[in-house]
Amino acid sequence: MGIITVSASPDNVEKVTNYINEQLENAMCPMKAQMQIGVAVEEIFVNIVNYAYGGKTGEVEIFIDTEESPKTVTIVFKDSGIQYNPLEKEDPDIALSSDERPIGGLGIFMVKKLMDDVIYRYEDGKNILEIRKLINAKG
């Protein structure tokens, strides 16, 4: 479907989310799935902005594609930042109150709950995080 490359900057969050939403609308993605994907995309992009480049500038490449049978949206994030696999972080204990729970980890936990597949790999000096969501007419 498409690809966008932007600087890992908070200024580009809206640009990225607008681009992804446009692609999802073109793919006739139901609103519920579009909203879930939007939350995941924003969370992942903001994490890359905040942590990947250690305060320096860098780029993020975001690829989106859809498949039929079953209808699936795949979004791949690539950055050349510090190697980090967010899937290795232990899920937070959501039974604890926010005062008792250590800071961090809720974002990727939410991404894992909203998406059907979240896959990380490190290749050619790049962090590659792939998310997949099955979509259907009901959302």
C-alpha atoms as a PDB file:
ATOM      1  CA  MET A   1       0.000   0.000   0.000  1.00  0.00           C
ATOM      2  CA  GLY A   2       2.460   2.624   1.078  1.00  0.00           C
ATOM      3  CA  ILE A   3       5.524   3.792   2.919  1.00  0.00           C
ATOM      4  CA  ILE A   4       6.403   6.985   4.762  1.00  0.00           C
ATOM      5  CA  THR A   5       9.772   8.070   6.163  1.00  0.00           C
ATOM      6  CA  VAL A   6       9.885  10.830   8.767  1.00  0.00           C
ATOM      7  CA  SER A   7      12.234  12.205  11.392  1.00  0.00           C
ATOM      8  CA  ALA A   8      11.763  10.646  14.817  1.00  0.00           C
ATOM      9  CA  SER A   9      10.279  13.858  16.182  1.00  0.00           C
ATOM     10  CA  PRO A  10       7.173  14.608  18.255  1.00  0.00           C
ATOM     11  CA  ASP A  11       6.263  17.081  15.508  1.00  0.00           C
ATOM     12  CA  ASN A  12       5.599  14.130  13.172  1.00  0.00           C
ATOM     13  CA  VAL A  13       3.118  12.165  15.318  1.00  0.00           C
ATOM     14  CA  GLU A  14       0.133  13.776  13.592  1.00  0.00           C
ATOM     15  CA  LYS A  15       1.692  13.346  10.143  1.00  0.00           C
ATOM     16  CA  VAL A  16       2.223   9.622  10.773  1.00  0.00           C
ATOM     17  CA  THR A  17      -1.224   8.992  12.250  1.00  0.00           C
ATOM     18  CA  ASN A  18      -2.928  10.947   9.459  1.00  0.00           C
ATOM     19  CA  TYR A  19      -1.006   8.951   6.845  1.00  0.00           C
ATOM     20  CA  ILE A  20      -1.912   5.609   8.441  1.00  0.00           C
ATOM     21  CA  ASN A  21      -5.578   6.629   8.831  1.00  0.00           C
ATOM     22  CA  GLU A  22      -5.729   7.664   5.172  1.00  0.00           C
ATOM     23  CA  GLN A  23      -4.300   4.300   4.109  1.00  0.00           C
ATOM     24  CA  LEU A  24      -6.752   2.435   6.367  1.00  0.00           C
ATOM     25  CA  GLU A  25      -9.708   4.391   4.990  1.00  0.00           C
ATOM     26  CA  ASN A  26      -8.581   3.568   1.430  1.00  0.00           C
ATOM     27  CA  ALA A  27      -8.495  -0.107   2.459  1.00  0.00           C
ATOM     28  CA  MET A  28     -12.077   0.132   3.772  1.00  0.00           C
ATOM     29  CA  CYS A  29     -10.894  -0.692   7.277  1.00  0.00           C
ATOM     30  CA  PRO A  30     -13.768  -0.676   9.799  1.00  0.00           C
ATOM     31  CA  MET A  31     -13.712   2.234  12.265  1.00  0.00           C
ATOM     32  CA  LYS A  32     -13.187   0.056  15.369  1.00  0.00           C
ATOM     33  CA  ALA A  33     -10.099  -1.618  13.878  1.00  0.00           C
ATOM     34  CA  GLN A  34      -8.886   1.739  12.537  1.00  0.00           C
ATOM     35  CA  MET A  35      -9.081   3.258  16.024  1.00  0.00           C
ATOM     36  CA  GLN A  36      -7.240   0.293  17.581  1.00  0.00           C
ATOM     37  CA  ILE A  37      -4.522   0.440  14.922  1.00  0.00           C
ATOM     38  CA  GLY A  38      -4.280   4.213  15.394  1.00  0.00           C
ATOM     39  CA  VAL A  39      -3.636   3.834  19.134  1.00  0.00           C
ATOM     40  CA  ALA A  40      -0.952   1.201  18.479  1.00  0.00           C
ATOM     41  CA  VAL A  41       0.748   3.272  15.750  1.00  0.00           C
ATOM     42  CA  GLU A  42       0.860   6.380  17.913  1.00  0.00           C
ATOM     43  CA  GLU A  43       2.212   4.458  20.911  1.00  0.00           C
ATOM     44  CA  ILE A  44       4.972   2.783  18.886  1.00  0.00           C
ATOM     45  CA  PHE A  45       5.963   5.979  17.066  1.00  0.00           C
ATOM     46  CA  VAL A  46       6.115   8.001  20.308  1.00  0.00           C
ATOM     47  CA  ASN A  47       8.292   5.288  21.894  1.00  0.00           C
ATOM     48  CA  ILE A  48      10.686   5.451  18.931  1.00  0.00           C
ATOM     49  CA  VAL A  49      10.759   9.259  19.191  1.00  0.00           C
ATOM     50  CA  ASN A  50      11.441   9.164  22.936  1.00  0.00           C
ATOM     51  CA  TYR A  51      13.929   6.305  23.168  1.00  0.00           C
ATOM     52  CA  ALA A  52      15.461   5.076  19.905  1.00  0.00           C
ATOM     53  CA  TYR A  53      17.989   7.784  19.219  1.00  0.00           C
ATOM     54  CA  GLY A  54      18.984   8.850  22.738  1.00  0.00           C
ATOM     55  CA  GLY A  55      18.143  12.516  22.193  1.00  0.00           C
ATOM     56  CA  LYS A  56      19.734  12.654  18.738  1.00  0.00           C
ATOM     57  CA  THR A  57      17.865  12.821  15.443  1.00  0.00           C
ATOM     58  CA  GLY A  58      17.090   9.824  13.313  1.00  0.00           C
ATOM     59  CA  GLU A  59      14.516   8.550  10.896  1.00  0.00           C
ATOM     60  CA  VAL A  60      11.603   6.158  11.125  1.00  0.00           C
ATOM     61  CA  GLU A  61      10.349   4.271   8.102  1.00  0.00           C
ATOM     62  CA  ILE A  62       6.767   3.047   8.315  1.00  0.00           C
ATOM     63  CA  PHE A  63       5.357   0.582   5.805  1.00  0.00           C
ATOM     64  CA  ILE A  64       1.672  -0.355   5.629  1.00  0.00           C
ATOM     65  CA  ASP A  65       0.069  -3.111   3.610  1.00  0.00           C
ATOM     66  CA  THR A  66      -3.176  -5.054   3.517  1.00  0.00           C
ATOM     67  CA  GLU A  67      -3.831  -8.637   2.552  1.00  0.00           C
ATOM     68  CA  GLU A  68      -7.070 -10.332   1.617  1.00  0.00           C
ATOM     69  CA  SER A  69      -8.347 -13.681   2.865  1.00  0.00           C
ATOM     70  CA  PRO A  70      -8.334 -13.092   5.760  1.00  0.00           C
ATOM     71  CA  LYS A  71      -8.263  -9.309   5.484  1.00  0.00           C
ATOM     72  CA  THR A  72      -5.234  -8.174   7.464  1.00  0.00           C
ATOM     73  CA  VAL A  73      -3.421  -4.885   7.960  1.00  0.00           C
ATOM     74  CA  THR A  74       0.345  -5.085   8.490  1.00  0.00           C
ATOM     75  CA  ILE A  75       2.395  -2.092   9.607  1.00  0.00           C
ATOM     76  CA  VAL A  76       6.182  -2.257   9.898  1.00  0.00           C
ATOM     77  CA  PHE A  77       8.281   0.322  11.781  1.00  0.00           C
ATOM     78  CA  LYS A  78      12.020   0.528  11.080  1.00  0.00           C
ATOM     79  CA  ASP A  79      14.534   2.702  12.907  1.00  0.00           C
ATOM     80  CA  SER A  80      18.323   2.767  13.173  1.00  0.00           C
ATOM     81  CA  GLY A  81      18.282   3.639  16.866  1.00  0.00           C
ATOM     82  CA  ILE A  82      19.562   1.751  19.873  1.00  0.00           C
ATOM     83  CA  GLN A  83      18.777  -1.967  19.583  1.00  0.00           C
ATOM     84  CA  TYR A  84      15.755  -2.651  21.761  1.00  0.00           C
ATOM     85  CA  ASN A  85      13.161  -5.389  21.734  1.00  0.00           C
ATOM     86  CA  PRO A  86      10.067  -4.011  23.495  1.00  0.00           C
ATOM     87  CA  LEU A  87       8.508  -7.493  23.548  1.00  0.00           C
ATOM     88  CA  GLU A  88      11.142  -8.650  26.064  1.00  0.00           C
ATOM     89  CA  LYS A  89       9.772  -6.223  28.652  1.00  0.00           C
ATOM     90  CA  GLU A  90       7.601  -8.034  31.169  1.00  0.00           C
ATOM     91  CA  ASP A  91       3.923  -7.101  31.025  1.00  0.00           C
ATOM     92  CA  PRO A  92       2.869  -4.796  33.856  1.00  0.00           C
ATOM     93  CA  ASP A  93       0.742  -6.173  36.670  1.00  0.00           C
ATOM     94  CA  ILE A  94      -2.463  -4.328  35.889  1.00  0.00           C
ATOM     95  CA  ALA A  95      -4.051  -5.695  39.071  1.00  0.00           C
ATOM     96  CA  LEU A  96      -1.851  -3.264  41.036  1.00  0.00           C
ATOM     97  CA  SER A  97      -2.955   0.315  41.535  1.00  0.00           C
ATOM     98  CA  SER A  98      -1.133   2.991  39.534  1.00  0.00           C
ATOM     99  CA  ASP A  99       0.681   4.000  42.754  1.00  0.00           C
ATOM    100  CA  GLU A 100       2.005   0.462  43.275  1.00  0.00           C
ATOM    101  CA  ARG A 101       2.895  -0.279  39.653  1.00  0.00           C
ATOM    102  CA  PRO A 102       6.342   0.712  38.306  1.00  0.00           C
ATOM    103  CA  ILE A 103       6.307   3.407  35.617  1.00  0.00           C
ATOM    104  CA  GLY A 104       6.459   2.236  32.014  1.00  0.00           C
ATOM    105  CA  GLY A 105       5.439  -0.768  30.015  1.00  0.00           C
ATOM    106  CA  LEU A 106       1.744   0.009  29.619  1.00  0.00           C
ATOM    107  CA  GLY A 107       2.094   1.245  26.028  1.00  0.00           C
ATOM    108  CA  ILE A 108       3.593  -1.912  24.525  1.00  0.00           C
ATOM    109  CA  PHE A 109       1.233  -3.989  26.707  1.00  0.00           C
ATOM    110  CA  MET A 110      -1.678  -2.096  25.139  1.00  0.00           C
ATOM    111  CA  VAL A 111      -0.239  -2.625  21.635  1.00  0.00           C
ATOM    112  CA  LYS A 112       0.017  -6.385  22.275  1.00  0.00           C
ATOM    113  CA  LYS A 113      -3.608  -6.475  23.475  1.00  0.00           C
ATOM    114  CA  LEU A 114      -4.984  -4.423  20.541  1.00  0.00           C
ATOM    115  CA  MET A 115      -3.096  -6.210  17.746  1.00  0.00           C
ATOM    116  CA  ASP A 116      -3.314  -9.837  16.651  1.00  0.00           C
ATOM    117  CA  ASP A 117       0.445 -10.121  16.088  1.00  0.00           C
ATOM    118  CA  VAL A 118       3.430  -8.080  17.267  1.00  0.00           C
ATOM    119  CA  ILE A 119       6.828  -9.229  16.005  1.00  0.00           C
ATOM    120  CA  TYR A 120      10.273  -7.718  16.643  1.00  0.00           C
ATOM    121  CA  ARG A 121      13.532  -8.416  14.885  1.00  0.00           C
ATOM    122  CA  TYR A 122      16.885  -6.657  14.490  1.00  0.00           C
ATOM    123  CA  GLU A 123      18.387  -6.743  10.996  1.00  0.00           C
ATOM    124  CA  ASP A 124      21.115  -4.753   9.264  1.00  0.00           C
ATOM    125  CA  GLY A 125      21.438  -2.343  12.201  1.00  0.00           C
ATOM    126  CA  LYS A 126      17.702  -1.658  12.314  1.00  0.00           C
ATOM    127  CA  ASN A 127      14.969  -2.273  14.858  1.00  0.00           C
ATOM    128  CA  ILE A 128      11.990  -3.705  12.980  1.00  0.00           C
ATOM    129  CA  LEU A 129       8.654  -3.892  14.768  1.00  0.00           C
ATOM    130  CA  GLU A 130       5.768  -5.397  12.843  1.00  0.00           C
ATOM    131  CA  ILE A 131       2.153  -5.244  13.942  1.00  0.00           C
ATOM    132  CA  ARG A 132      -0.766  -7.089  12.344  1.00  0.00           C
ATOM    133  CA  LYS A 133      -4.488  -6.739  12.795  1.00  0.00           C
ATOM    134  CA  LEU A 134      -7.177  -8.948  11.296  1.00  0.00           C
ATOM    135  CA  ILE A 135     -10.001  -6.758  10.086  1.00  0.00           C
ATOM    136  CA  ASN A 136     -13.490  -7.654   8.969  1.00  0.00           C
ATOM    137  CA  ALA A 137     -16.724  -5.916   8.101  1.00  0.00           C
ATOM    138  CA  LYS A 138     -17.814  -5.878  11.742  1.00  0.00           C
ATOM    139  CA  GLY A 139     -14.585  -4.241  12.918  1.00  0.00           C
END
